[in-house]
Amino acid sequence: MVERQLLVLFGSQTGTAEDTAERIGREAKRRHFQCRVEALDSYDVANLINELLVVFVCATTGQGDPPDNMKMFWRFLFRKNLPPGSLCQLDYAVLGLGDSSYPKPDAVVDPWLLALWDKILSLYPLPPGLEIISRDVRLPPKYTLHYLPEDSPHPDGGLLQPTAPRAVPSELHPFAAQMVSNQRVTAESHFQDVRLIEFDITGSGITFSAGDVVMIQPQNCPEDVQQFCQLLRLDPDRRFVLKPTEPGTSLPALLPQPCTIQHLVTHYLDISCVPRRSFFELLSYFSTNELEREKLQEFSSAQGQEELYSYCNRPRRTTLEALWDFPHTTCAIPPEYLLDLIPRIRPRAFSIASSMLAHPDRIQILMAVVQYKTRLSKPRRGLCSTWLASLNPEQGDVRVPLWVKKGGMKFPADPDTPVIMIGPGTGVAPFRAAIQERVAQGRRGNCLFFGCRQNSKDFYCQAEWEELVRRGFLTLFTAFSRDQEEKVYVQHRIQENRRLVWELLSSGNARVYLAGNAKQMPAAVAEALRSVLQLEGGLSPSEAEEHLTALERSQRFQSETWS
């Protein structure tokens, strides 16, 4: 009898592909497969030659880029020295997904999975006497949760004690950096609260250069944690240990053992994320109330996806709010299912807005506090930005878990190469790091296009830029969209200064960098650059298009945008 083992590997940035991979894992268990679900980069790729059946689930991120947790795996697969027949024994399937902003991946996934299981079961039929476990049967949880007696001794120290020096900080071992300052850089009357926040990383071993990114691990606010514990009738001070239900399942990396319920909910469970279909599916098994169970089953069915999108995604309803709406079900959730039900809190990425040459042992970020209205009465708030904005370093020692990753933007090593930086709003953050770095090295060819709403309200780092202009280190073009009748944006300033832009590109061999919001701005800037190439460089529209593509390919035009 062939071993019925299935490996599901995912590449996921925001959790879409991870959620689908977990779903395939559950469906595999119903078909009596031994199944492991892992992120591509945490799987030991050398073992792939021993696998017989693998399903790859990958989403894209940003401008069609591979997610961070599959970059190493992807590079490994493209190594020239891999023997061409090394995976000839492998049966595999690949499911490609868009990112989490695509409204309906399920419409594609459902029929694809039906076909996948038909194919897999024809290759690996069910063992004699076994049936597919019915959808009506609840699968066991990934972990069992064992409460410790209330009088058992407490180990000292929480998660964020500054640790003894070890390897460079990473997601599994973040550095507890002290927040040094948290300063609002927009006028009080401005609609948006933007902060310049500084962290002390002395003794961390962290090094970075312009274009790199700091990852911050946020936590839930105390009111939400308290509400959650009340709703589920959990005692926040109870301590527990987790044990995997199946051998070979690793424990959640960032949870201490033993752990308190308070710690689990504060630092690990993402109770403010928008819940996915799988959440409602699992919830339906706990429901003792017929009306609630019917609604939960509708939300987890293929036909109910329009309805679920309107309930969850459109208004950005949080997991905590959804639990409020199903009170009979919520108070019946067994605690050991919490880790199956609610995903972990993901780290958030921020462009580093300072240079080590200008600010040794410091990391600064420029952060907009995310808050917006939907049809729900309570304004939506970004988990990480709201938490960071609430911290006040003047009221004691404030620690934030962080680590640094290489960013997508690389600035030129040659001191004579000029750089054209286009950074409206908080998109200016990586360019502040690059300009500080280049000025510290005595480089003068720095040209910045900055845009915001009003000169008096959200002109970030104004005094710093003006000082560098005065010292001859910076050429600055500003676009204040609301300071006059007609709206003026960075793309208009690029067109107005097209001769300079063309000179820098053609004779100076300049590099162009773009950062900021991914809505309309990147396309408008690309259009402005094409028009510079046509009007000043005399290129035809198709030549201008080709030239811009060639600049991107040779990394002379780099962009980093976020939605």
Protein backbone atom coordinates (compact mmCIF):
# COMPACT_ATOMS: atom_id res chain seq x y z
CA MET A 1 0.00 0.00 0.00
CA VAL A 2 1.50 3.38 -1.04
CA GLU A 3 1.99 5.79 1.84
CA ARG A 4 -0.79 8.36 1.61
CA GLN A 5 1.18 11.46 2.55
CA LEU A 6 0.46 14.96 1.30
CA LEU A 7 2.55 18.08 1.78
CA VAL A 8 0.94 21.51 1.29
CA LEU A 9 3.44 24.37 0.88
CA PHE A 10 2.28 28.00 0.77
CA GLY A 11 3.71 31.40 -0.17
CA SER A 12 1.58 34.00 1.60
CA GLN A 13 2.00 37.69 2.46
CA THR A 14 -1.31 38.64 4.07
CA GLY A 15 -2.67 35.18 4.87
CA THR A 16 -4.86 34.46 1.81
CA ALA A 17 -2.73 31.57 0.53
CA GLU A 18 -2.01 30.32 4.06
CA ASP A 19 -5.75 30.13 4.76
CA THR A 20 -6.36 28.19 1.53
CA ALA A 21 -3.41 25.87 2.30
CA GLU A 22 -4.89 25.11 5.75
CA ARG A 23 -8.23 24.38 4.06
CA ILE A 24 -6.55 21.86 1.72
CA GLY A 25 -4.92 20.33 4.81
CA ARG A 26 -8.32 19.88 6.49
CA GLU A 27 -9.83 18.36 3.32
CA ALA A 28 -6.83 15.98 3.11
CA LYS A 29 -7.49 14.79 6.68
CA ARG A 30 -11.11 14.08 5.74
CA ARG A 31 -9.68 11.81 3.00
CA HIS A 32 -7.39 10.05 5.49
CA PHE A 33 -4.10 11.52 4.24
CA GLN A 34 -1.26 12.25 6.59
CA CYS A 35 -0.87 15.93 5.80
CA ARG A 36 1.59 18.69 6.70
CA VAL A 37 1.01 22.38 5.90
CA GLU A 38 4.09 24.62 5.91
CA ALA A 39 5.34 27.97 4.61
CA LEU A 40 7.70 27.45 1.64
CA ASP A 41 10.67 29.07 3.37
CA SER A 42 10.29 27.13 6.62
CA TYR A 43 10.33 23.79 4.75
CA ASP A 44 13.73 22.15 4.27
CA VAL A 45 13.86 22.21 0.48
CA ALA A 46 16.44 19.40 0.36
CA ASN A 47 13.63 17.02 1.45
CA LEU A 48 11.63 17.73 -1.70
CA ILE A 49 13.39 14.86 -3.50
CA ASN A 50 11.71 12.45 -1.02
CA GLU A 51 8.17 13.80 -1.37
CA LEU A 52 5.63 12.02 -3.57
CA LEU A 53 2.67 14.44 -3.49
CA VAL A 54 2.84 18.20 -2.97
CA VAL A 55 0.32 21.01 -3.44
CA PHE A 56 1.82 24.50 -3.80
CA VAL A 57 -0.47 27.44 -2.94
CA CYS A 58 1.00 30.84 -3.75
CA ALA A 59 -0.37 34.37 -3.82
CA THR A 60 1.24 37.47 -5.30
CA THR A 61 2.03 40.63 -3.37
CA GLY A 62 2.58 44.26 -4.43
CA GLN A 63 3.19 44.47 -8.18
CA GLY A 64 2.98 40.69 -8.74
CA ASP A 65 5.99 39.91 -6.53
CA PRO A 66 6.51 36.61 -4.66
CA PRO A 67 5.57 36.76 -0.94
CA ASP A 68 8.42 37.11 1.55
CA ASN A 69 8.01 33.59 2.95
CA MET A 70 8.79 31.92 -0.40
CA LYS A 71 11.67 34.03 -1.73
CA MET A 72 14.46 31.65 -0.62
CA PHE A 73 12.62 28.60 -1.91
CA TRP A 74 12.04 30.31 -5.26
CA ARG A 75 15.71 31.23 -5.57
CA PHE A 76 16.71 27.65 -4.73
CA LEU A 77 14.48 26.21 -7.49
CA PHE A 78 16.19 28.42 -10.07
CA ARG A 79 19.71 27.33 -9.15
CA LYS A 80 21.62 26.33 -12.27
CA ASN A 81 23.34 23.40 -10.53
CA LEU A 82 20.17 21.44 -9.69
CA PRO A 83 20.07 18.18 -11.69
CA PRO A 84 17.21 18.40 -14.22
CA GLY A 85 15.59 15.11 -13.16
CA SER A 86 15.82 15.61 -9.38
CA LEU A 87 12.04 15.95 -8.88
CA CYS A 88 10.89 13.39 -11.43
CA GLN A 89 9.17 11.27 -8.73
CA LEU A 90 7.00 14.18 -7.59
CA ASP A 91 3.27 14.54 -8.26
CA TYR A 92 2.37 18.16 -7.67
CA ALA A 93 -0.38 20.72 -8.17
CA VAL A 94 -0.06 24.53 -8.14
CA LEU A 95 -2.77 26.98 -7.12
CA GLY A 96 -2.03 30.65 -7.84
CA LEU A 97 -4.06 33.31 -6.02
CA GLY A 98 -4.28 37.09 -6.23
CA ASP A 99 -3.66 39.07 -3.04
CA SER A 100 -6.22 39.71 -0.30
CA SER A 101 -7.66 42.74 -2.12
CA TYR A 102 -9.18 40.45 -4.79
CA PRO A 103 -12.85 40.09 -3.82
CA LYS A 104 -13.64 36.51 -4.82
CA PRO A 105 -10.76 33.98 -5.02
CA ASP A 106 -13.22 31.34 -3.77
CA ALA A 107 -15.06 31.30 -7.10
CA VAL A 108 -11.85 29.88 -8.59
CA VAL A 109 -10.70 27.78 -5.64
CA ASP A 110 -13.87 25.70 -5.07
CA PRO A 111 -14.12 24.03 -8.51
CA TRP A 112 -10.32 23.67 -8.68
CA LEU A 113 -10.29 21.76 -5.38
CA LEU A 114 -13.05 19.40 -6.52
CA ALA A 115 -10.97 18.52 -9.59
CA LEU A 116 -7.82 18.22 -7.45
CA TRP A 117 -9.36 15.65 -5.08
CA ASP A 118 -10.76 13.62 -7.99
CA LYS A 119 -7.26 13.44 -9.45
CA ILE A 120 -5.52 12.72 -6.11
CA LEU A 121 -7.98 9.98 -5.13
CA SER A 122 -7.50 8.29 -8.53
CA LEU A 123 -3.73 8.14 -7.79
CA TYR A 124 -4.08 7.41 -4.06
CA PRO A 125 -7.43 5.67 -3.48
CA LEU A 126 -8.98 5.51 -0.01
CA PRO A 127 -7.79 2.46 1.98
CA PRO A 128 -10.35 -0.39 2.02
CA GLY A 129 -13.15 0.09 4.54
CA LEU A 130 -12.56 3.86 4.93
CA GLU A 131 -14.97 6.58 3.78
CA ILE A 132 -14.34 10.31 3.35
CA ILE A 133 -15.10 11.90 6.75
CA SER A 134 -18.37 13.78 6.33
CA ARG A 135 -18.48 17.60 6.39
CA ASP A 136 -20.86 17.26 9.36
CA VAL A 137 -18.08 15.87 11.53
CA ARG A 138 -15.81 18.35 13.32
CA LEU A 139 -12.09 17.59 12.90
CA PRO A 140 -9.91 17.58 16.05
CA PRO A 141 -8.01 20.81 16.86
CA LYS A 142 -4.36 21.26 15.87
CA TYR A 143 -3.35 21.53 19.55
CA THR A 144 -4.82 20.45 22.85
CA LEU A 145 -4.77 23.01 25.63
CA HIS A 146 -3.94 21.90 29.16
CA TYR A 147 -4.72 24.34 31.97
CA LEU A 148 -2.22 24.36 34.81
CA PRO A 149 -3.42 24.25 38.42
CA GLU A 150 -3.91 27.79 39.72
CA ASP A 151 -1.28 27.29 42.43
CA SER A 152 1.50 26.06 40.12
CA PRO A 153 4.67 28.21 40.30
CA HIS A 154 5.00 31.10 37.81
CA PRO A 155 8.16 31.26 35.72
CA ASP A 156 9.66 34.74 35.90
CA GLY A 157 9.79 37.18 33.02
CA GLY A 158 7.52 37.94 30.09
CA LEU A 159 8.19 37.64 26.40
CA LEU A 160 9.75 41.07 25.94
CA GLN A 161 12.56 41.01 28.46
CA PRO A 162 15.69 42.34 26.69
CA THR A 163 17.41 39.08 25.82
CA ALA A 164 21.04 38.07 26.01
CA PRO A 165 22.94 38.84 22.80
CA ARG A 166 22.30 36.16 20.19
CA ALA A 167 22.04 36.01 16.42
CA VAL A 168 20.76 39.08 14.55
CA PRO A 169 17.11 39.77 15.50
CA SER A 170 14.50 38.05 13.29
CA GLU A 171 10.80 37.21 13.28
CA LEU A 172 11.40 34.34 15.71
CA HIS A 173 13.73 36.44 17.89
CA PRO A 174 12.68 40.10 17.66
CA PHE A 175 14.64 42.79 19.49
CA ALA A 176 12.76 44.66 22.25
CA ALA A 177 13.71 48.16 21.09
CA GLN A 178 13.07 51.13 23.35
CA MET A 179 10.83 53.80 21.83
CA VAL A 180 12.69 57.10 22.25
CA SER A 181 10.23 59.58 20.74
CA ASN A 182 6.75 59.60 19.20
CA GLN A 183 6.12 62.94 17.55
CA ARG A 184 3.14 64.10 15.49
CA VAL A 185 4.41 65.78 12.29
CA THR A 186 1.08 66.99 10.87
CA ALA A 187 -0.74 70.09 12.12
CA GLU A 188 -3.33 69.38 14.85
CA SER A 189 -6.01 70.71 12.47
CA HIS A 190 -4.99 68.25 9.71
CA PHE A 191 -7.32 65.27 9.11
CA GLN A 192 -4.47 62.75 9.29
CA ASP A 193 -2.25 61.98 12.25
CA VAL A 194 1.26 61.15 10.99
CA ARG A 195 4.09 60.29 13.41
CA LEU A 196 7.85 60.35 13.26
CA ILE A 197 8.79 57.59 15.71
CA GLU A 198 12.32 56.81 16.87
CA PHE A 199 13.59 53.54 18.38
CA ASP A 200 16.89 52.86 20.16
CA ILE A 201 18.52 49.67 18.81
CA THR A 202 21.76 49.88 20.84
CA GLY A 203 23.23 46.41 21.39
CA SER A 204 20.84 44.69 18.99
CA GLY A 205 23.40 43.87 16.30
CA ILE A 206 20.96 45.30 13.72
CA THR A 207 22.50 47.01 10.68
CA PHE A 208 20.65 48.43 7.70
CA SER A 209 21.05 50.71 4.71
CA ALA A 210 18.72 53.07 2.85
CA GLY A 211 15.79 51.21 1.30
CA ASP A 212 15.60 48.60 4.09
CA VAL A 213 12.45 47.83 6.03
CA VAL A 214 11.75 47.46 9.75
CA MET A 215 9.25 44.78 10.77
CA ILE A 216 7.21 45.52 13.88
CA GLN A 217 5.17 42.93 15.80
CA PRO A 218 2.03 44.71 17.07
CA GLN A 219 -0.38 43.74 19.84
CA ASN A 220 -4.10 44.06 20.55
CA CYS A 221 -5.38 46.91 22.69
CA PRO A 222 -6.36 46.07 26.31
CA GLU A 223 -10.09 46.90 25.80
CA ASP A 224 -10.34 44.42 22.88
CA VAL A 225 -8.52 41.74 24.86
CA GLN A 226 -10.85 42.25 27.84
CA GLN A 227 -13.97 42.13 25.61
CA PHE A 228 -12.76 38.96 23.89
CA CYS A 229 -12.12 37.19 27.22
CA GLN A 230 -15.54 38.24 28.53
CA LEU A 231 -17.34 37.09 25.37
CA LEU A 232 -15.67 33.67 25.43
CA ARG A 233 -15.85 33.44 29.25
CA LEU A 234 -12.08 33.03 29.53
CA ASP A 235 -10.06 33.85 32.63
CA PRO A 236 -7.16 36.04 31.38
CA ASP A 237 -4.87 34.87 34.21
CA ARG A 238 -5.28 31.13 33.58
CA ARG A 239 -2.05 29.46 32.48
CA PHE A 240 -1.83 26.59 30.02
CA VAL A 241 0.52 24.50 27.94
CA LEU A 242 -0.16 23.43 24.35
CA LYS A 243 0.42 19.92 23.00
CA PRO A 244 0.20 19.04 19.28
CA THR A 245 -2.67 16.66 18.49
CA GLU A 246 -0.61 14.87 15.84
CA PRO A 247 3.09 13.97 16.09
CA GLY A 248 5.25 16.10 13.83
CA THR A 249 3.18 19.28 14.26
CA SER A 250 5.43 22.02 15.63
CA LEU A 251 4.22 24.38 18.35
CA PRO A 252 3.50 28.05 17.50
CA ALA A 253 6.94 29.64 17.45
CA LEU A 254 6.26 32.86 19.33
CA LEU A 255 4.16 31.53 22.21
CA PRO A 256 5.95 30.90 25.50
CA GLN A 257 5.23 27.59 27.25
CA PRO A 258 3.46 27.82 29.67
CA CYS A 259 1.41 30.81 28.54
CA THR A 260 -1.44 32.85 29.98
CA ILE A 261 -4.74 33.42 28.17
CA GLN A 262 -4.01 37.17 28.47
CA HIS A 263 -0.69 36.76 26.65
CA LEU A 264 -2.23 34.54 23.94
CA VAL A 265 -4.97 37.07 23.17
CA THR A 266 -2.77 40.18 23.48
CA HIS A 267 0.26 39.07 21.48
CA TYR A 268 -0.85 36.21 19.25
CA LEU A 269 -4.52 36.02 18.16
CA ASP A 270 -5.44 38.55 15.47
CA ILE A 271 -8.87 39.44 16.83
CA SER A 272 -8.98 42.70 14.85
CA CYS A 273 -8.45 41.13 11.39
CA VAL A 274 -11.32 40.68 8.94
CA PRO A 275 -12.36 37.02 9.36
CA ARG A 276 -12.18 34.62 6.42
CA ARG A 277 -14.58 31.96 5.20
CA SER A 278 -12.75 29.23 7.17
CA PHE A 279 -13.49 31.11 10.43
CA PHE A 280 -17.26 30.85 9.87
CA GLU A 281 -16.96 27.24 8.76
CA LEU A 282 -15.25 26.15 11.97
CA LEU A 283 -17.52 28.38 14.08
CA SER A 284 -20.60 26.63 12.66
CA TYR A 285 -19.52 23.37 14.37
CA PHE A 286 -19.73 24.93 17.84
CA SER A 287 -23.12 26.53 17.33
CA THR A 288 -25.92 25.40 19.63
CA ASN A 289 -28.34 27.98 18.19
CA GLU A 290 -30.15 27.00 15.00
CA LEU A 291 -30.45 30.52 13.53
CA GLU A 292 -26.79 31.30 14.15
CA ARG A 293 -25.69 27.92 12.77
CA GLU A 294 -27.68 28.42 9.53
CA LYS A 295 -26.09 31.85 8.99
CA LEU A 296 -22.60 30.49 9.71
CA GLN A 297 -23.15 27.62 7.26
CA GLU A 298 -24.33 30.06 4.60
CA PHE A 299 -21.19 32.18 5.08
CA SER A 300 -19.00 29.11 4.69
CA SER A 301 -20.76 27.77 1.57
CA ALA A 302 -19.68 28.51 -2.00
CA GLN A 303 -23.08 30.16 -2.68
CA GLY A 304 -22.79 32.47 0.35
CA GLN A 305 -19.58 34.23 -0.69
CA GLU A 306 -21.29 37.42 -2.04
CA GLU A 307 -23.17 37.68 1.24
CA LEU A 308 -19.98 37.08 3.27
CA TYR A 309 -18.11 39.75 1.29
CA SER A 310 -20.86 42.28 2.07
CA TYR A 311 -20.90 41.32 5.74
CA CYS A 312 -17.12 41.14 6.30
CA ASN A 313 -14.82 42.58 3.67
CA ARG A 314 -16.74 45.60 2.44
CA PRO A 315 -17.31 47.15 5.89
CA ARG A 316 -14.00 45.71 7.20
CA ARG A 317 -15.74 43.99 10.11
CA THR A 318 -13.30 42.56 12.66
CA THR A 319 -13.20 39.03 14.08
CA LEU A 320 -14.14 40.43 17.51
CA GLU A 321 -17.19 42.21 16.03
CA ALA A 322 -18.24 39.05 14.18
CA LEU A 323 -18.06 37.11 17.46
CA TRP A 324 -20.39 39.70 19.03
CA ASP A 325 -22.94 38.94 16.30
CA PHE A 326 -23.02 35.22 17.16
CA PRO A 327 -23.22 35.32 20.98
CA HIS A 328 -24.67 31.81 21.54
CA THR A 329 -21.95 30.25 19.39
CA THR A 330 -19.12 32.38 20.78
CA CYS A 331 -19.60 31.36 24.39
CA ALA A 332 -19.49 27.69 23.29
CA ILE A 333 -16.07 27.86 21.56
CA PRO A 334 -13.69 25.32 23.17
CA PRO A 335 -10.44 27.18 24.04
CA GLU A 336 -8.23 24.59 22.25
CA TYR A 337 -9.82 25.57 18.93
CA LEU A 338 -8.78 29.24 19.27
CA LEU A 339 -5.54 28.64 17.36
CA ASP A 340 -7.43 26.94 14.49
CA LEU A 341 -10.10 29.64 14.47
CA ILE A 342 -8.10 32.87 14.60
CA PRO A 343 -4.85 33.54 12.69
CA ARG A 344 -1.77 34.90 14.42
CA ILE A 345 -1.02 38.64 14.41
CA ARG A 346 1.25 39.32 11.45
CA PRO A 347 4.20 41.71 11.67
CA ARG A 348 3.85 45.04 9.82
CA ALA A 349 6.52 46.48 7.51
CA PHE A 350 7.65 50.12 7.57
CA SER A 351 10.23 51.78 5.34
CA ILE A 352 13.10 52.96 7.52
CA ALA A 353 13.15 56.77 7.38
CA SER A 354 16.65 57.39 8.77
CA SER A 355 20.27 56.48 8.02
CA MET A 356 22.68 54.80 10.42
CA LEU A 357 25.32 57.26 9.24
CA ALA A 358 23.18 60.20 10.45
CA HIS A 359 21.58 58.46 13.47
CA PRO A 360 23.75 55.60 14.75
CA ASP A 361 21.89 53.03 16.92
CA ARG A 362 18.53 54.52 15.95
CA ILE A 363 15.68 53.56 13.62
CA GLN A 364 13.08 56.14 12.63
CA ILE A 365 9.79 55.53 10.82
CA LEU A 366 7.24 57.91 9.32
CA MET A 367 3.83 56.40 10.06
CA ALA A 368 0.30 57.48 9.16
CA VAL A 369 -2.19 56.40 11.83
CA VAL A 370 -4.75 54.36 9.89
CA GLN A 371 -8.35 55.35 10.59
CA TYR A 372 -11.29 55.42 8.19
CA LYS A 373 -15.08 55.16 8.10
CA THR A 374 -17.19 52.34 6.70
CA ARG A 375 -20.91 51.79 7.12
CA LEU A 376 -20.20 50.39 10.60
CA SER A 377 -20.68 53.06 13.25
CA LYS A 378 -17.26 52.61 14.86
CA PRO A 379 -14.34 53.98 12.77
CA ARG A 380 -11.94 51.30 11.48
CA ARG A 381 -8.44 51.54 12.94
CA GLY A 382 -5.15 49.98 11.85
CA LEU A 383 -3.95 47.58 14.54
CA CYS A 384 -0.25 48.43 14.43
CA SER A 385 -0.44 52.19 13.80
CA THR A 386 -3.09 52.71 16.51
CA TRP A 387 -1.02 50.72 19.01
CA LEU A 388 2.25 52.55 18.19
CA ALA A 389 0.53 55.96 18.27
CA SER A 390 -0.84 55.18 21.75
CA LEU A 391 2.62 54.55 23.24
CA ASN A 392 4.19 57.42 25.15
CA PRO A 393 7.93 57.08 25.81
CA GLU A 394 7.78 60.01 28.24
CA GLN A 395 5.72 57.89 30.64
CA GLY A 396 8.31 55.17 31.20
CA ASP A 397 10.23 52.46 29.40
CA VAL A 398 8.27 51.56 26.23
CA ARG A 399 9.48 48.48 24.31
CA VAL A 400 8.51 47.40 20.79
CA PRO A 401 9.50 44.03 19.23
CA LEU A 402 11.20 44.60 15.87
CA TRP A 403 13.75 43.32 13.35
CA VAL A 404 15.05 44.52 9.98
CA LYS A 405 14.74 43.08 6.48
CA LYS A 406 16.40 43.97 3.19
CA GLY A 407 14.12 46.26 1.23
CA GLY A 408 13.29 46.16 -2.46
CA MET A 409 15.02 49.46 -3.29
CA LYS A 410 18.76 49.58 -3.87
CA PHE A 411 20.52 52.94 -4.11
CA PRO A 412 23.60 53.38 -6.35
CA ALA A 413 27.06 52.63 -4.99
CA ASP A 414 28.75 55.00 -7.48
CA PRO A 415 28.97 58.44 -5.78
CA ASP A 416 28.54 60.30 -9.09
CA THR A 417 25.20 58.70 -10.01
CA PRO A 418 22.39 61.22 -9.46
CA VAL A 419 19.08 60.01 -7.99
CA ILE A 420 15.58 61.27 -8.76
CA MET A 421 13.26 60.39 -5.87
CA ILE A 422 9.49 60.69 -6.15
CA GLY A 423 7.87 60.28 -2.73
CA PRO A 424 4.48 61.86 -2.06
CA GLY A 425 3.10 61.62 1.50
CA THR A 426 4.72 58.98 3.73
CA GLY A 427 6.28 57.59 0.51
CA VAL A 428 9.10 60.05 1.30
CA ALA A 429 10.28 57.82 4.21
CA PRO A 430 12.86 55.65 2.36
CA PHE A 431 14.15 58.77 0.56
CA ARG A 432 14.79 60.54 3.84
CA ALA A 433 17.03 57.55 4.71
CA ALA A 434 18.72 57.68 1.28
CA ILE A 435 19.27 61.45 1.37
CA GLN A 436 20.71 61.34 4.92
CA GLU A 437 23.03 58.53 3.83
CA ARG A 438 24.16 60.25 0.64
CA VAL A 439 24.67 63.61 2.37
CA ALA A 440 26.80 61.90 5.06
CA GLN A 441 28.92 60.53 2.16
CA GLY A 442 29.15 64.00 0.57
CA ARG A 443 27.04 63.15 -2.51
CA ARG A 444 25.23 66.07 -4.10
CA GLY A 445 23.11 64.69 -6.98
CA ASN A 446 19.89 64.35 -4.95
CA CYS A 447 16.62 65.41 -6.54
CA LEU A 448 13.35 64.98 -4.59
CA PHE A 449 9.76 65.40 -5.78
CA PHE A 450 7.55 65.61 -2.69
CA GLY A 451 3.79 66.01 -2.64
CA CYS A 452 1.22 66.51 0.11
CA ARG A 453 -2.04 68.42 0.66
CA GLN A 454 -0.94 71.70 2.25
CA ASN A 455 2.36 73.42 2.84
CA SER A 456 1.24 74.43 6.35
CA LYS A 457 -0.23 71.08 7.46
CA ASP A 458 1.54 67.97 6.15
CA PHE A 459 4.89 69.06 4.70
CA TYR A 460 6.93 66.38 6.52
CA CYS A 461 10.56 67.19 7.44
CA GLN A 462 10.26 70.65 5.87
CA ALA A 463 13.06 72.27 7.91
CA GLU A 464 15.41 69.35 7.16
CA TRP A 465 14.82 69.58 3.37
CA GLU A 466 15.19 73.37 3.32
CA GLU A 467 18.49 73.19 5.19
CA LEU A 468 19.85 70.64 2.66
CA VAL A 469 18.68 72.82 -0.26
CA ARG A 470 20.53 75.77 1.34
CA ARG A 471 23.70 73.66 1.68
CA GLY A 472 23.50 72.58 -1.96
CA PHE A 473 22.84 68.88 -1.26
CA LEU A 474 19.25 68.71 -2.49
CA THR A 475 17.12 69.89 -5.39
CA LEU A 476 13.53 69.95 -4.09
CA PHE A 477 10.24 70.16 -6.02
CA THR A 478 7.02 70.34 -4.00
CA ALA A 479 3.40 69.79 -5.02
CA PHE A 480 0.77 70.98 -2.51
CA SER A 481 -2.42 69.62 -4.00
CA ARG A 482 -4.91 71.72 -1.97
CA ASP A 483 -3.09 75.06 -1.72
CA GLN A 484 -4.61 76.44 -4.94
CA GLU A 485 -7.78 76.12 -7.03
CA GLU A 486 -6.58 73.32 -9.34
CA LYS A 487 -4.97 70.22 -7.79
CA VAL A 488 -1.23 69.89 -8.34
CA TYR A 489 0.49 66.54 -7.84
CA VAL A 490 4.08 65.23 -8.18
CA GLN A 491 3.42 64.11 -11.77
CA HIS A 492 2.68 67.73 -12.75
CA ARG A 493 5.99 68.88 -11.23
CA ILE A 494 7.83 66.14 -13.16
CA GLN A 495 6.35 67.41 -16.44
CA GLU A 496 7.11 71.05 -15.58
CA ASN A 497 10.74 70.14 -14.90
CA ARG A 498 11.05 67.71 -17.77
CA ARG A 499 14.25 69.25 -19.18
CA LEU A 500 16.13 68.69 -15.90
CA VAL A 501 14.69 65.16 -15.56
CA TRP A 502 15.74 64.34 -19.14
CA GLU A 503 19.26 65.73 -18.62
CA LEU A 504 19.73 63.69 -15.45
CA LEU A 505 18.45 60.55 -17.19
CA SER A 506 20.30 60.93 -20.49
CA SER A 507 23.66 62.47 -19.64
CA GLY A 508 23.78 61.86 -15.87
CA ASN A 509 22.69 58.22 -16.07
CA ALA A 510 20.36 58.97 -13.14
CA ARG A 511 18.31 56.40 -11.30
CA VAL A 512 14.63 57.01 -10.59
CA TYR A 513 12.88 55.86 -7.39
CA LEU A 514 9.19 55.94 -6.61
CA ALA A 515 7.46 55.18 -3.29
CA GLY A 516 3.97 55.74 -1.94
CA ASN A 517 0.34 54.79 -2.16
CA ALA A 518 -0.47 52.26 -4.88
CA LYS A 519 -3.82 53.73 -6.01
CA GLN A 520 -3.52 56.14 -8.97
CA MET A 521 -0.14 57.70 -8.24
CA PRO A 522 2.30 55.11 -9.73
CA ALA A 523 0.46 55.04 -13.08
CA ALA A 524 0.29 58.88 -13.21
CA VAL A 525 4.03 59.16 -12.47
CA ALA A 526 4.91 56.53 -15.13
CA GLU A 527 2.80 58.51 -17.63
CA ALA A 528 4.67 61.73 -16.70
CA LEU A 529 8.02 59.97 -17.23
CA ARG A 530 6.88 58.67 -20.64
CA SER A 531 5.91 62.20 -21.60
CA VAL A 532 9.40 63.47 -20.56
CA LEU A 533 10.98 60.81 -22.81
CA GLN A 534 8.75 61.84 -25.72
CA LEU A 535 8.88 65.65 -25.38
CA GLU A 536 12.54 66.03 -24.38
CA GLY A 537 14.06 62.83 -25.72
CA GLY A 538 12.14 62.84 -29.01
CA LEU A 539 10.99 59.23 -28.59
CA SER A 540 7.77 57.88 -30.10
CA PRO A 541 5.09 56.65 -27.63
CA SER A 542 6.10 53.00 -28.17
CA GLU A 543 9.83 53.82 -27.84
CA ALA A 544 9.12 55.75 -24.62
CA GLU A 545 7.23 52.73 -23.27
CA GLU A 546 10.12 50.41 -24.19
CA HIS A 547 12.67 52.79 -22.69
CA LEU A 548 10.79 52.93 -19.37
CA THR A 549 10.53 49.12 -19.32
CA ALA A 550 14.28 48.89 -20.00
CA LEU A 551 14.95 51.30 -17.10
CA GLU A 552 12.89 49.03 -14.81
CA ARG A 553 14.67 45.91 -16.04
CA SER A 554 18.10 47.40 -15.43
CA GLN A 555 16.95 48.64 -11.98
CA ARG A 556 17.41 52.26 -13.02
CA PHE A 557 13.71 52.75 -12.24
CA GLN A 558 12.62 51.14 -8.96
CA SER A 559 9.33 51.46 -7.14
CA GLU A 560 7.88 50.39 -3.82
CA THR A 561 4.17 50.97 -3.41
CA TRP A 562 1.59 49.80 -0.88
CA SER A 563 -2.17 49.69 -0.80
